[in-house]
Amino acid sequence: MSIFDVKPNKGKPVERRGRKASGLRALPVRDGYDSGAARKYASALDADAQRLVRNPQGDLLTKEHGVEMKRIPVQLLLTILIACLATSTTWSSPLVDEPAPDFALHGIDGKTLRLSEYRSEIVLLSFASDSCARCRQALPFFEELNRQYQGAGLNVIGVNIEGNAKVATDLAAELGLNFPILLDTGQSVSRLYDLNQLPLTLLIDREGVVQLINQGFRGDSGAQISAGLARLLAD
């Protein structure tokens, strides 16, 4: 089950104890995602919640760089918060040792990219959101890998799950990203890859087979990804 399958319950919203995050109302969440994880990672939630406000119509908005505002669907917002609060792991997914599902998406440059075009090369595929703090930490690391190993056959591809071309373009410029950023506007590709945590990062070998999946970019995620990449480059 991916995080896009999480449905708000029809009961009362679950409120996190302690200091309320300014401008953010309690959101209903699915049983199993309520008090435990939210309290354990309260500080992380507060950091993201500080960027959230409501307009006079009650819509949830994010404040980008203190100026720009954008509307976020509540279900997608819930998806992002759950993904950012989850614990990182090198995931033993059914996708590991299986061919990476092919897809084609438009990029922020207006061009369409298909994953299978990179067969015979190594691909680092990362799903991220511009509203996810850990994604912002991971993306510059992926850019450094791209800079160092592109000549050795590495291709870094980013997938923005929110699909807002302007915001994704601005983020790429802010972080100095030079690898392709694709827009998964309807989250169809994210569902295809059973997205559970953000960022979700896959290493795909020259045969198009998934060799490693890392979720959340916490702790030693950078070292795990680097080690996996070194093994693929050595083959």
Protein backbone atom coordinates (compact mmCIF):
# COMPACT_ATOMS: atom_id res chain seq x y z
CA MET A 1 0.00 0.00 0.00
CA SER A 2 1.40 3.42 -0.96
CA ILE A 3 0.92 6.62 1.05
CA PHE A 4 -1.53 7.75 -1.64
CA ASP A 5 -3.90 5.01 -0.46
CA VAL A 6 -4.17 6.55 3.04
CA LYS A 7 -7.68 7.88 3.54
CA PRO A 8 -8.73 10.28 6.31
CA ASN A 9 -11.06 8.58 8.80
CA LYS A 10 -14.60 9.79 9.26
CA GLY A 11 -14.28 10.22 13.01
CA LYS A 12 -12.94 13.10 15.02
CA PRO A 13 -9.57 14.55 14.01
CA VAL A 14 -6.62 13.29 16.03
CA GLU A 15 -4.92 16.25 17.68
CA ARG A 16 -1.24 16.20 18.60
CA ARG A 17 -0.62 17.13 22.23
CA GLY A 18 1.67 19.97 23.19
CA ARG A 19 2.27 23.28 21.42
CA LYS A 20 -0.09 23.88 18.54
CA ALA A 21 1.49 24.69 15.19
CA SER A 22 0.37 28.16 14.19
CA GLY A 23 -2.06 28.23 11.28
CA LEU A 24 -2.48 24.44 11.05
CA ARG A 25 -5.67 22.71 12.13
CA ALA A 26 -5.64 19.12 13.28
CA LEU A 27 -5.92 16.76 10.32
CA PRO A 28 -7.82 13.46 10.42
CA VAL A 29 -5.48 10.54 9.83
CA ARG A 30 -5.83 6.84 9.25
CA ASP A 31 -5.72 4.56 12.30
CA GLY A 32 -2.11 3.56 12.87
CA TYR A 33 -0.70 6.96 11.87
CA ASP A 34 -2.01 9.04 14.76
CA SER A 35 -0.48 9.75 18.16
CA GLY A 36 2.67 7.61 18.28
CA ALA A 37 4.55 8.77 15.19
CA ALA A 38 3.20 12.30 15.39
CA ARG A 39 4.38 12.79 18.99
CA LYS A 40 7.71 11.07 18.33
CA TYR A 41 8.47 13.36 15.40
CA ALA A 42 6.59 16.43 16.67
CA SER A 43 9.51 18.73 16.05
CA ALA A 44 9.74 17.66 12.40
CA LEU A 45 6.01 18.23 11.95
CA ASP A 46 6.27 21.66 13.56
CA ALA A 47 9.07 22.61 11.16
CA ASP A 48 6.88 21.77 8.17
CA ALA A 49 3.74 23.18 9.78
CA GLN A 50 5.34 26.60 10.23
CA ARG A 51 5.23 26.91 6.46
CA LEU A 52 1.44 26.30 6.38
CA VAL A 53 -1.32 28.89 6.64
CA ARG A 54 -5.01 29.13 5.69
CA ASN A 55 -6.54 31.73 3.41
CA PRO A 56 -9.94 33.34 4.21
CA GLN A 57 -11.69 30.50 2.38
CA GLY A 58 -10.06 27.93 4.67
CA ASP A 59 -7.76 26.43 2.02
CA LEU A 60 -4.40 25.11 3.22
CA LEU A 61 -1.52 26.99 1.63
CA THR A 62 2.25 26.85 1.84
CA LYS A 63 4.46 29.87 2.05
CA GLU A 64 7.47 29.59 -0.21
CA HIS A 65 10.48 31.73 0.71
CA GLY A 66 8.24 33.98 2.81
CA VAL A 67 6.45 35.39 -0.26
CA GLU A 68 4.92 33.01 -2.76
CA MET A 69 1.74 31.11 -1.87
CA LYS A 70 0.27 28.00 -3.45
CA ARG A 71 -2.80 25.87 -2.85
CA ILE A 72 -2.24 22.26 -1.65
CA PRO A 73 -5.03 19.64 -1.77
CA VAL A 74 -5.63 18.36 1.77
CA GLN A 75 -5.17 14.70 0.75
CA LEU A 76 -1.80 15.44 -0.90
CA LEU A 77 -0.77 17.49 2.15
CA LEU A 78 -1.61 14.55 4.43
CA THR A 79 0.38 12.27 2.13
CA ILE A 80 3.45 14.53 2.36
CA LEU A 81 3.28 14.90 6.15
CA ILE A 82 3.00 11.14 6.69
CA ALA A 83 5.89 10.51 4.30
CA CYS A 84 8.13 13.09 5.96
CA LEU A 85 7.45 11.71 9.46
CA ALA A 86 8.23 8.11 8.59
CA THR A 87 11.47 6.40 9.64
CA SER A 88 14.16 5.89 7.03
CA THR A 89 15.27 2.43 5.98
CA THR A 90 16.92 0.63 3.12
CA TRP A 91 13.71 -1.02 2.06
CA SER A 92 13.36 -4.67 1.15
CA SER A 93 10.63 -3.90 -1.37
CA PRO A 94 9.09 -6.32 -3.87
CA LEU A 95 10.62 -4.01 -6.49
CA VAL A 96 14.18 -4.90 -5.45
CA ASP A 97 15.77 -7.31 -7.96
CA GLU A 98 12.88 -6.65 -10.33
CA PRO A 99 12.78 -4.52 -13.50
CA ALA A 100 11.99 -0.90 -12.68
CA PRO A 101 8.48 -0.04 -13.94
CA ASP A 102 8.79 2.06 -17.07
CA PHE A 103 7.11 5.45 -17.30
CA ALA A 104 7.18 8.70 -19.24
CA LEU A 105 6.71 12.14 -17.66
CA HIS A 106 7.10 15.76 -18.71
CA GLY A 107 10.02 17.63 -17.16
CA ILE A 108 10.26 21.21 -15.95
CA ASP A 109 12.09 21.93 -19.22
CA GLY A 110 8.99 20.89 -21.20
CA LYS A 111 10.59 17.73 -22.58
CA THR A 112 9.21 14.22 -22.07
CA LEU A 113 11.56 11.65 -20.54
CA ARG A 114 11.05 7.89 -20.56
CA LEU A 115 12.93 5.75 -18.02
CA SER A 116 13.68 2.96 -20.51
CA GLU A 117 15.73 5.42 -22.57
CA TYR A 118 18.45 5.03 -19.91
CA ARG A 119 18.83 1.27 -20.33
CA SER A 120 22.55 0.31 -20.30
CA GLU A 121 23.25 3.16 -17.87
CA ILE A 122 22.89 3.48 -14.08
CA VAL A 123 19.94 5.52 -12.83
CA LEU A 124 19.39 7.16 -9.45
CA LEU A 125 15.65 7.85 -9.35
CA SER A 126 14.35 9.98 -6.49
CA PHE A 127 10.75 10.93 -5.67
CA ALA A 128 10.50 14.17 -3.71
CA SER A 129 8.22 17.03 -2.72
CA ASP A 130 9.04 20.71 -2.48
CA SER A 131 7.14 20.71 0.84
CA CYS A 132 9.40 18.02 2.39
CA ALA A 133 12.35 19.26 4.46
CA ARG A 134 14.35 16.02 4.08
CA CYS A 135 13.91 16.15 0.33
CA ARG A 136 15.63 19.53 0.37
CA GLN A 137 18.51 17.92 2.26
CA ALA A 138 18.76 15.00 -0.14
CA LEU A 139 18.56 16.83 -3.47
CA PRO A 140 21.92 18.68 -3.19
CA PHE A 141 23.56 15.34 -2.27
CA PHE A 142 22.11 13.79 -5.44
CA GLU A 143 23.37 16.77 -7.44
CA GLU A 144 26.87 16.15 -6.09
CA LEU A 145 26.66 12.49 -7.13
CA ASN A 146 25.43 13.61 -10.54
CA ARG A 147 28.38 15.99 -10.91
CA GLN A 148 30.95 13.41 -9.85
CA TYR A 149 29.70 10.30 -11.66
CA GLN A 150 27.75 11.42 -14.69
CA GLY A 151 30.78 10.74 -16.87
CA ALA A 152 30.97 7.20 -15.46
CA GLY A 153 27.44 6.35 -16.57
CA LEU A 154 25.23 7.68 -13.73
CA ASN A 155 21.98 9.47 -14.55
CA VAL A 156 20.14 11.19 -11.71
CA ILE A 157 16.41 11.74 -12.28
CA GLY A 158 14.13 13.59 -9.88
CA VAL A 159 10.36 13.16 -9.75
CA ASN A 160 8.35 15.95 -8.12
CA ILE A 161 5.14 14.40 -6.78
CA GLU A 162 3.26 17.69 -6.54
CA GLY A 163 3.70 18.49 -10.20
CA ASN A 164 3.80 22.30 -9.94
CA ALA A 165 6.21 23.29 -12.70
CA LYS A 166 6.94 26.80 -11.42
CA VAL A 167 7.61 25.75 -7.84
CA ALA A 168 9.73 22.78 -8.97
CA THR A 169 11.71 25.05 -11.32
CA ASP A 170 12.29 27.60 -8.56
CA LEU A 171 13.44 24.86 -6.16
CA ALA A 172 15.86 23.43 -8.73
CA ALA A 173 17.32 26.90 -9.27
CA GLU A 174 17.57 27.54 -5.52
CA LEU A 175 19.42 24.26 -4.88
CA GLY A 176 21.49 24.39 -8.05
CA LEU A 177 20.10 21.16 -9.52
CA ASN A 178 21.18 20.27 -13.05
CA PHE A 179 19.63 16.82 -13.39
CA PRO A 180 16.16 16.33 -14.95
CA ILE A 181 13.16 17.09 -12.72
CA LEU A 182 9.96 15.36 -13.85
CA LEU A 183 6.41 16.32 -12.85
CA ASP A 184 4.17 13.53 -11.52
CA THR A 185 1.09 15.74 -11.50
CA GLY A 186 -1.45 12.96 -10.94
CA GLN A 187 0.89 10.82 -8.78
CA SER A 188 0.39 7.91 -11.19
CA VAL A 189 4.10 7.06 -11.28
CA SER A 190 4.43 7.48 -7.51
CA ARG A 191 1.69 4.88 -7.07
CA LEU A 192 3.44 2.63 -9.57
CA TYR A 193 6.52 2.69 -7.32
CA ASP A 194 4.49 2.13 -4.11
CA LEU A 195 5.71 5.38 -2.56
CA ASN A 196 5.71 5.10 1.25
CA GLN A 197 8.19 7.72 2.43
CA LEU A 198 9.80 10.88 1.08
CA PRO A 199 12.24 11.09 -0.46
CA LEU A 200 12.09 7.64 -2.03
CA THR A 201 15.36 6.86 -3.83
CA LEU A 202 16.08 3.91 -6.12
CA LEU A 203 19.31 2.72 -7.70
CA ILE A 204 18.65 0.99 -11.03
CA ASP A 205 21.40 -0.99 -12.75
CA ARG A 206 22.39 -1.07 -16.42
CA GLU A 207 19.87 -3.86 -17.10
CA GLY A 208 17.02 -1.75 -15.73
CA VAL A 209 16.74 -3.77 -12.51
CA VAL A 210 16.18 -2.10 -9.12
CA GLN A 211 19.16 -2.83 -6.87
CA LEU A 212 18.50 -0.58 -3.86
CA ILE A 213 15.63 1.42 -2.40
CA ASN A 214 16.15 4.00 0.35
CA GLN A 215 13.34 5.85 2.09
CA GLY A 216 13.33 9.08 4.05
CA PHE A 217 17.01 10.10 3.76
CA ARG A 218 17.81 9.87 7.46
CA GLY A 219 20.89 8.76 9.36
CA ASP A 220 23.28 6.87 7.11
CA SER A 221 21.10 7.07 3.98
CA GLY A 222 23.80 8.98 2.10
CA ALA A 223 26.41 6.33 2.93
CA GLN A 224 24.04 3.51 1.92
CA ILE A 225 23.26 5.12 -1.42
CA SER A 226 26.94 5.90 -2.08
CA ALA A 227 27.95 2.31 -1.29
CA GLY A 228 25.25 0.92 -3.57
CA LEU A 229 26.29 3.26 -6.35
CA ALA A 230 29.95 2.27 -5.98
CA ARG A 231 29.03 -1.40 -6.43
CA LEU A 232 27.08 -0.65 -9.60
CA LEU A 233 29.83 1.52 -11.05
CA ALA A 234 32.36 -1.25 -10.37
CA ASP A 235 30.37 -3.86 -12.31
